[in-house]
């Protein structure tokens, strides 16, 4: 392959050598297949195309300075994909099959794992699609589970630098009794217009509010929201928020460094009281927030006075990324090595 500029990688797709596939037919999963094709054959009446039977995960592998490849909390991703499958009536991928496929995908594409210290990582995308044909609105009888990988840089081009965000009341990402709590494509399709508006206005992302009352913070675009004040890590509680594995990890780290953790509704007005605010997720890890503009009222919530990340956000970020890359001990058993 041509030499990649690891330190300048975007968060985007780069062709790699192989992907891993497995089909569910006749009420059982088949054998794992290796493919070098970037394309899949789907029946034109596949439920994934017509009725939204599609779910995916996002996870990462990291190269440590010891030359060993590390997977981060794959079991949590497997569990979340099973919940997504249950939510839209797809066949669940067993933990063992999920694990075999992601490990095989990394092993087959080792040369694309970014080197230690580059700031890049290997992004792993497990994908579950309703591949069986249906014309009536009903679940498919056949499914495709596929895993592909690609090396990526930071999700936000600013990296670990504070960004500006915009509160949107014009668009909803998900409703409380809908699919917001699972990782399905429809949630992201529903967020595209709001994110496009935010980007055209010069903001890094849109901040979504609850769909029912428009009073409480839900998600920061493609990531979870958190705020810091009074030595407390605060993150929203909502039925329409996707539970972030990064957020869950940060909560544990926060407790272990002597902070309190609160998971509760977060009213918009509380933004004025936070000392630090961030968006967190697999892709972004932590993206500190400099300011948040409420486009309806014109109010600007100025979070960072210096334009630099807050001390606590930096501490949490360095602790989490240190565990992921092997620079710090892993007391939680979050890391698995890929040989």
Protein backbone atom coordinates (compact mmCIF):
# COMPACT_ATOMS: atom_id res chain seq x y z
CA UNK A 1 0.00 0.00 0.00
CA UNK A 2 1.09 3.59 -0.41
CA UNK A 3 2.56 5.08 2.74
CA UNK A 4 -0.15 6.70 4.84
CA UNK A 5 0.40 9.97 6.67
CA UNK A 6 -0.75 8.51 9.98
CA UNK A 7 -0.71 11.81 11.86
CA UNK A 8 -2.93 13.52 9.27
CA UNK A 9 -5.58 10.85 8.80
CA UNK A 10 -9.17 12.09 8.62
CA UNK A 11 -12.04 10.26 10.30
CA UNK A 12 -13.09 8.63 7.06
CA UNK A 13 -12.99 5.45 5.02
CA UNK A 14 -9.70 4.09 3.68
CA UNK A 15 -9.71 0.85 1.71
CA UNK A 16 -8.10 -2.08 3.53
CA UNK A 17 -7.39 -5.66 2.48
CA UNK A 18 -10.19 -7.81 3.89
CA UNK A 19 -13.53 -7.83 5.65
CA UNK A 20 -15.26 -10.64 7.52
CA UNK A 21 -18.81 -11.88 6.89
CA UNK A 22 -21.29 -14.37 8.29
CA UNK A 23 -24.87 -15.15 7.21
CA UNK A 24 -27.89 -16.11 9.27
CA UNK A 25 -30.13 -18.51 7.37
CA UNK A 26 -32.59 -21.25 8.40
CA UNK A 27 -32.52 -20.00 12.00
CA UNK A 28 -28.79 -20.41 12.44
CA UNK A 29 -25.50 -18.62 11.83
CA UNK A 30 -23.19 -20.08 9.17
CA UNK A 31 -19.43 -20.21 8.83
CA UNK A 32 -17.22 -17.13 8.90
CA UNK A 33 -16.18 -15.94 5.44
CA UNK A 34 -13.26 -13.70 4.42
CA UNK A 35 -13.78 -11.28 1.52
CA UNK A 36 -11.57 -8.79 -0.29
CA UNK A 37 -14.56 -7.08 -1.92
CA UNK A 38 -15.82 -3.75 -0.63
CA UNK A 39 -19.31 -4.53 -1.90
CA UNK A 40 -22.18 -6.75 -0.79
CA UNK A 41 -24.96 -8.34 -2.82
CA UNK A 42 -28.40 -7.59 -1.43
CA UNK A 43 -31.80 -8.64 -2.65
CA UNK A 44 -33.72 -5.59 -3.89
CA UNK A 45 -36.46 -6.39 -1.38
CA UNK A 46 -34.07 -6.79 1.59
CA UNK A 47 -35.59 -5.40 4.80
CA UNK A 48 -32.39 -3.47 5.49
CA UNK A 49 -33.16 -1.35 2.42
CA UNK A 50 -36.90 -0.90 2.93
CA UNK A 51 -37.76 -1.18 6.61
CA UNK A 52 -34.62 -0.06 8.41
CA UNK A 53 -33.49 -3.42 9.73
CA UNK A 54 -29.89 -2.35 10.15
CA UNK A 55 -27.65 -1.86 13.18
CA UNK A 56 -23.96 -1.17 13.60
CA UNK A 57 -21.23 -0.68 16.16
CA UNK A 58 -18.14 1.48 16.34
CA UNK A 59 -15.06 0.37 18.22
CA UNK A 60 -11.30 0.76 18.09
CA UNK A 61 -8.02 -1.12 18.27
CA UNK A 62 -4.78 0.56 19.32
CA UNK A 63 -1.08 -0.13 18.87
CA UNK A 64 0.88 0.13 22.10
CA UNK A 65 4.49 1.17 22.43
CA UNK A 66 5.20 -2.51 23.17
CA UNK A 67 4.09 -3.38 19.63
CA UNK A 68 0.95 -5.20 20.78
CA UNK A 69 -2.52 -4.50 19.38
CA UNK A 70 -5.22 -3.75 21.93
CA UNK A 71 -9.01 -4.12 21.63
CA UNK A 72 -11.05 -1.91 23.95
CA UNK A 73 -14.17 -3.31 25.69
CA UNK A 74 -15.40 -5.39 22.75
CA UNK A 75 -17.85 -7.23 25.02
CA UNK A 76 -19.77 -4.01 25.64
CA UNK A 77 -20.11 -3.45 21.90
CA UNK A 78 -21.34 -7.01 21.44
CA UNK A 79 -23.94 -6.55 24.16
CA UNK A 80 -25.11 -3.26 22.67
CA UNK A 81 -25.47 -4.78 19.19
CA UNK A 82 -27.59 -7.55 20.66
CA UNK A 83 -29.86 -4.92 22.22
CA UNK A 84 -30.07 -3.13 18.87
CA UNK A 85 -30.98 -6.39 17.14
CA UNK A 86 -33.66 -7.07 19.72
CA UNK A 87 -35.01 -3.53 19.33
CA UNK A 88 -35.75 -3.93 15.61
CA UNK A 89 -36.35 -7.69 15.59
CA UNK A 90 -33.16 -8.94 13.96
CA UNK A 91 -31.23 -12.13 14.67
CA UNK A 92 -28.77 -11.55 17.52
CA UNK A 93 -25.07 -12.06 16.90
CA UNK A 94 -23.71 -14.29 19.70
CA UNK A 95 -20.77 -12.93 21.70
CA UNK A 96 -18.45 -15.68 20.46
CA UNK A 97 -19.24 -14.99 16.79
CA UNK A 98 -18.95 -11.23 17.30
CA UNK A 99 -15.55 -11.71 18.95
CA UNK A 100 -14.25 -14.11 16.31
CA UNK A 101 -15.20 -11.75 13.50
CA UNK A 102 -13.69 -8.58 14.94
CA UNK A 103 -10.45 -10.36 15.90
CA UNK A 104 -10.20 -11.95 12.44
CA UNK A 105 -10.80 -8.56 10.77
CA UNK A 106 -7.98 -6.97 12.78
CA UNK A 107 -5.62 -9.90 12.19
CA UNK A 108 -6.24 -9.87 8.44
CA UNK A 109 -5.51 -6.13 8.23
CA UNK A 110 -2.64 -5.72 10.69
CA UNK A 111 -0.65 -3.53 8.35
CA UNK A 112 -3.34 -0.86 8.65
CA UNK A 113 -3.04 -0.51 12.43
CA UNK A 114 -1.65 3.03 12.94
CA UNK A 115 1.66 3.13 14.79
CA UNK A 116 1.94 4.07 18.44
CA UNK A 117 2.16 7.81 19.02
CA UNK A 118 0.52 8.78 15.72
CA UNK A 119 -2.75 9.89 17.31
CA UNK A 120 -4.61 7.58 14.94
CA UNK A 121 -6.36 4.28 15.64
CA UNK A 122 -7.92 1.34 13.85
CA UNK A 123 -11.68 1.81 13.62
CA UNK A 124 -13.75 -1.39 13.62
CA UNK A 125 -17.26 -1.30 12.15
CA UNK A 126 -19.48 -4.36 12.84
CA UNK A 127 -22.63 -4.17 10.70
CA UNK A 128 -25.85 -6.21 10.89
CA UNK A 129 -28.30 -6.04 7.97
CA UNK A 130 -31.68 -7.57 7.24
CA UNK A 131 -30.78 -9.29 3.97
CA UNK A 132 -33.91 -11.40 3.54
CA UNK A 133 -36.60 -10.24 1.11
CA UNK A 134 -39.95 -8.94 2.36
CA UNK A 135 -42.59 -6.79 0.71
CA UNK A 136 -44.89 -6.63 3.71
CA UNK A 137 -43.69 -4.77 6.79
CA UNK A 138 -42.18 -7.60 8.80
CA UNK A 139 -38.82 -8.87 10.00
CA UNK A 140 -36.50 -10.68 7.62
CA UNK A 141 -35.64 -14.35 7.92
CA UNK A 142 -32.06 -13.86 6.74
CA UNK A 143 -29.31 -11.54 8.01
CA UNK A 144 -25.78 -10.55 7.13
CA UNK A 145 -23.19 -9.76 9.81
CA UNK A 146 -20.14 -7.99 8.41
CA UNK A 147 -17.03 -6.45 10.00
CA UNK A 148 -14.76 -4.02 8.17
CA UNK A 149 -11.95 -1.87 9.48
CA UNK A 150 -10.27 1.37 8.50
CA UNK A 151 -7.53 3.52 10.06
CA UNK A 152 -8.85 6.87 11.30
CA UNK A 153 -7.75 10.14 12.81
CA UNK A 154 -9.81 12.29 15.25
CA UNK A 155 -13.56 12.54 14.60
CA UNK A 156 -13.58 16.32 15.06
CA UNK A 157 -10.80 17.90 13.01
CA UNK A 158 -9.91 20.08 15.99
CA UNK A 159 -8.82 16.99 17.93
CA UNK A 160 -8.63 17.52 21.70
CA UNK A 161 -9.43 21.20 21.37
CA UNK A 162 -12.61 22.99 22.50
CA UNK A 163 -15.28 23.36 19.82
CA UNK A 164 -18.41 25.44 19.40
CA UNK A 165 -21.83 23.79 19.30
CA UNK A 166 -25.37 24.85 18.50
CA UNK A 167 -28.59 23.89 20.30
CA UNK A 168 -31.28 22.80 17.85
CA UNK A 169 -35.01 22.83 18.57
CA UNK A 170 -35.98 22.54 14.91
CA UNK A 171 -35.01 18.88 14.62
CA UNK A 172 -35.35 15.77 16.77
CA UNK A 173 -32.87 12.92 16.66
CA UNK A 174 -35.11 10.37 18.39
CA UNK A 175 -38.25 10.08 20.50
CA UNK A 176 -38.36 8.64 24.05
CA UNK A 177 -40.20 5.47 23.02
CA UNK A 178 -38.45 5.12 19.66
CA UNK A 179 -35.02 3.77 18.75
CA UNK A 180 -32.75 6.44 20.24
CA UNK A 181 -31.38 4.03 22.85
CA UNK A 182 -30.09 1.55 20.25
CA UNK A 183 -27.48 1.99 17.52
CA UNK A 184 -29.47 1.86 14.29
CA UNK A 185 -28.98 3.86 11.11
CA UNK A 186 -32.32 5.63 11.31
CA UNK A 187 -31.20 7.66 14.31
CA UNK A 188 -28.27 9.01 12.33
CA UNK A 189 -30.39 9.73 9.27
CA UNK A 190 -32.66 11.79 11.52
CA UNK A 191 -29.66 13.82 12.74
CA UNK A 192 -28.19 14.69 9.33
CA UNK A 193 -30.20 17.86 8.63
CA UNK A 194 -29.45 19.35 12.05
CA UNK A 195 -25.75 18.57 11.72
CA UNK A 196 -25.68 20.05 8.22
CA UNK A 197 -27.27 23.27 9.45
CA UNK A 198 -24.79 23.45 12.34
CA UNK A 199 -21.79 22.89 10.08
CA UNK A 200 -22.94 25.56 7.61
CA UNK A 201 -23.21 28.01 10.49
CA UNK A 202 -19.67 27.24 11.62
CA UNK A 203 -20.37 24.91 14.54
CA UNK A 204 -18.72 21.54 15.10
CA UNK A 205 -22.00 19.83 15.96
CA UNK A 206 -25.63 20.25 16.99
CA UNK A 207 -26.82 19.66 20.52
CA UNK A 208 -30.18 17.87 20.57
CA UNK A 209 -32.83 18.41 23.23
CA UNK A 210 -35.50 16.00 24.41
CA UNK A 211 -38.23 15.54 21.82
CA UNK A 212 -41.11 15.85 24.26
CA UNK A 213 -40.53 19.17 26.03
CA UNK A 214 -37.40 20.68 24.44
CA UNK A 215 -36.15 21.46 27.93
CA UNK A 216 -33.48 18.87 28.59
CA UNK A 217 -30.19 18.01 26.89
CA UNK A 218 -30.12 14.68 25.05
CA UNK A 219 -27.09 14.09 22.82
CA UNK A 220 -24.31 16.16 21.32
CA UNK A 221 -24.81 15.10 17.71
CA UNK A 222 -22.96 11.79 17.26
CA UNK A 223 -21.77 11.68 20.87
CA UNK A 224 -22.96 11.72 24.49
CA UNK A 225 -22.97 14.94 26.53
CA UNK A 226 -21.32 15.47 29.90
CA UNK A 227 -20.73 18.45 32.16
CA UNK A 228 -18.37 19.00 35.08
CA UNK A 229 -19.09 21.07 38.18
CA UNK A 230 -18.38 20.86 41.91
CA UNK A 231 -16.12 17.83 41.33
CA UNK A 232 -19.10 16.00 39.79
CA UNK A 233 -19.41 14.32 36.40
CA UNK A 234 -22.96 14.96 35.15
CA UNK A 235 -24.47 13.20 32.13
CA UNK A 236 -28.10 13.14 30.93
CA UNK A 237 -30.58 10.40 31.73
CA UNK A 238 -32.98 9.84 28.85
CA UNK A 239 -34.74 6.99 27.05
CA UNK A 240 -33.70 8.43 23.70
CA UNK A 241 -29.93 8.52 24.31
CA UNK A 242 -27.59 5.82 23.02
CA UNK A 243 -25.61 4.46 26.00
CA UNK A 244 -22.02 5.31 25.15
CA UNK A 245 -19.30 2.83 26.15
CA UNK A 246 -16.85 5.73 26.31
CA UNK A 247 -19.23 7.61 28.61
CA UNK A 248 -19.58 4.53 30.80
CA UNK A 249 -15.79 4.21 30.98
CA UNK A 250 -15.33 7.89 31.84
CA UNK A 251 -17.86 7.56 34.66
CA UNK A 252 -15.83 4.73 36.19
CA UNK A 253 -12.60 6.69 35.88
CA UNK A 254 -14.25 9.77 37.39
CA UNK A 255 -15.33 7.76 40.44
CA UNK A 256 -11.84 6.33 40.83
CA UNK A 257 -10.18 9.76 40.81
CA UNK A 258 -12.47 10.92 43.61
CA UNK A 259 -15.32 12.55 41.71
CA UNK A 260 -19.04 12.02 42.06
CA UNK A 261 -21.16 10.88 39.11
CA UNK A 262 -24.73 11.97 38.45
CA UNK A 263 -26.91 10.48 35.70
CA UNK A 264 -30.06 12.61 35.57
CA UNK A 265 -32.06 15.00 33.40
CA UNK A 266 -29.97 18.06 32.54
CA UNK A 267 -32.02 21.22 31.84
CA UNK A 268 -30.63 23.60 29.21
CA UNK A 269 -30.32 26.40 31.78
CA UNK A 270 -27.83 24.31 33.75
CA UNK A 271 -25.26 24.94 31.03
CA UNK A 272 -24.56 28.26 32.77
CA UNK A 273 -23.33 26.40 35.86
CA UNK A 274 -20.90 23.92 34.32
CA UNK A 275 -17.18 24.51 34.69
CA UNK A 276 -16.45 22.16 31.77
CA UNK A 277 -18.55 20.52 29.06
CA UNK A 278 -17.64 17.77 26.64
CA UNK A 279 -18.94 15.36 24.00
CA UNK A 280 -17.76 11.79 24.35
CA UNK A 281 -17.91 8.64 22.24
CA UNK A 282 -15.79 6.01 20.52
CA UNK A 283 -15.04 8.24 17.55
CA UNK A 284 -14.35 11.46 19.47
CA UNK A 285 -13.17 10.02 22.83
CA UNK A 286 -13.63 13.45 24.46
CA UNK A 287 -14.21 16.65 22.56
CA UNK A 288 -14.18 19.64 24.94
CA UNK A 289 -16.79 22.31 24.29
CA UNK A 290 -15.84 26.00 24.25
CA UNK A 291 -19.31 27.49 23.86
CA UNK A 292 -22.88 26.55 23.03
CA UNK A 293 -25.22 28.87 21.14
CA UNK A 294 -28.99 28.62 21.51
CA UNK A 295 -30.14 29.62 18.04
CA UNK A 296 -33.73 30.20 19.23
CA UNK A 297 -32.94 32.64 22.01
CA UNK A 298 -29.56 33.92 20.88
CA UNK A 299 -28.07 33.09 24.25
CA UNK A 300 -24.43 32.01 24.29
CA UNK A 301 -23.30 29.64 27.01
CA UNK A 302 -19.58 30.35 27.34
CA UNK A 303 -17.95 27.30 28.90
CA UNK A 304 -14.22 27.72 28.31
CA UNK A 305 -12.84 31.16 29.13
CA UNK A 306 -9.34 30.34 27.80
CA UNK A 307 -10.13 28.37 24.67
CA UNK A 308 -8.29 25.39 26.16
CA UNK A 309 -9.62 22.06 27.48
CA UNK A 310 -10.56 22.00 31.15
CA UNK A 311 -8.26 20.38 33.66
CA UNK A 312 -10.68 17.59 34.61
CA UNK A 313 -11.59 16.79 30.99
CA UNK A 314 -7.90 16.55 30.16
CA UNK A 315 -7.28 14.31 33.13
CA UNK A 316 -10.12 11.96 32.16
CA UNK A 317 -9.02 11.97 28.51
CA UNK A 318 -5.41 11.14 29.34
CA UNK A 319 -6.45 8.38 31.73
CA UNK A 320 -8.77 6.72 29.23
CA UNK A 321 -6.47 7.01 26.22
CA UNK A 322 -3.54 5.89 28.38
CA UNK A 323 -5.38 2.66 29.18
CA UNK A 324 -6.33 2.17 25.52
CA UNK A 325 -2.74 2.51 24.27
CA UNK A 326 -1.07 0.68 27.16
CA UNK A 327 0.67 3.76 28.55
CA UNK A 328 -1.24 3.28 31.81
CA UNK A 329 -2.25 0.11 33.67
CA UNK A 330 -5.67 -1.39 32.95
CA UNK A 331 -7.17 -2.16 36.38
CA UNK A 332 -10.60 -2.88 34.88
CA UNK A 333 -9.85 -5.65 32.40
CA UNK A 334 -11.02 -3.46 29.52
CA UNK A 335 -8.17 -4.44 27.17
CA UNK A 336 -7.74 -7.62 25.15
CA UNK A 337 -4.62 -8.23 23.09
CA UNK A 338 -4.83 -9.36 19.46
CA UNK A 339 -1.97 -11.62 18.40
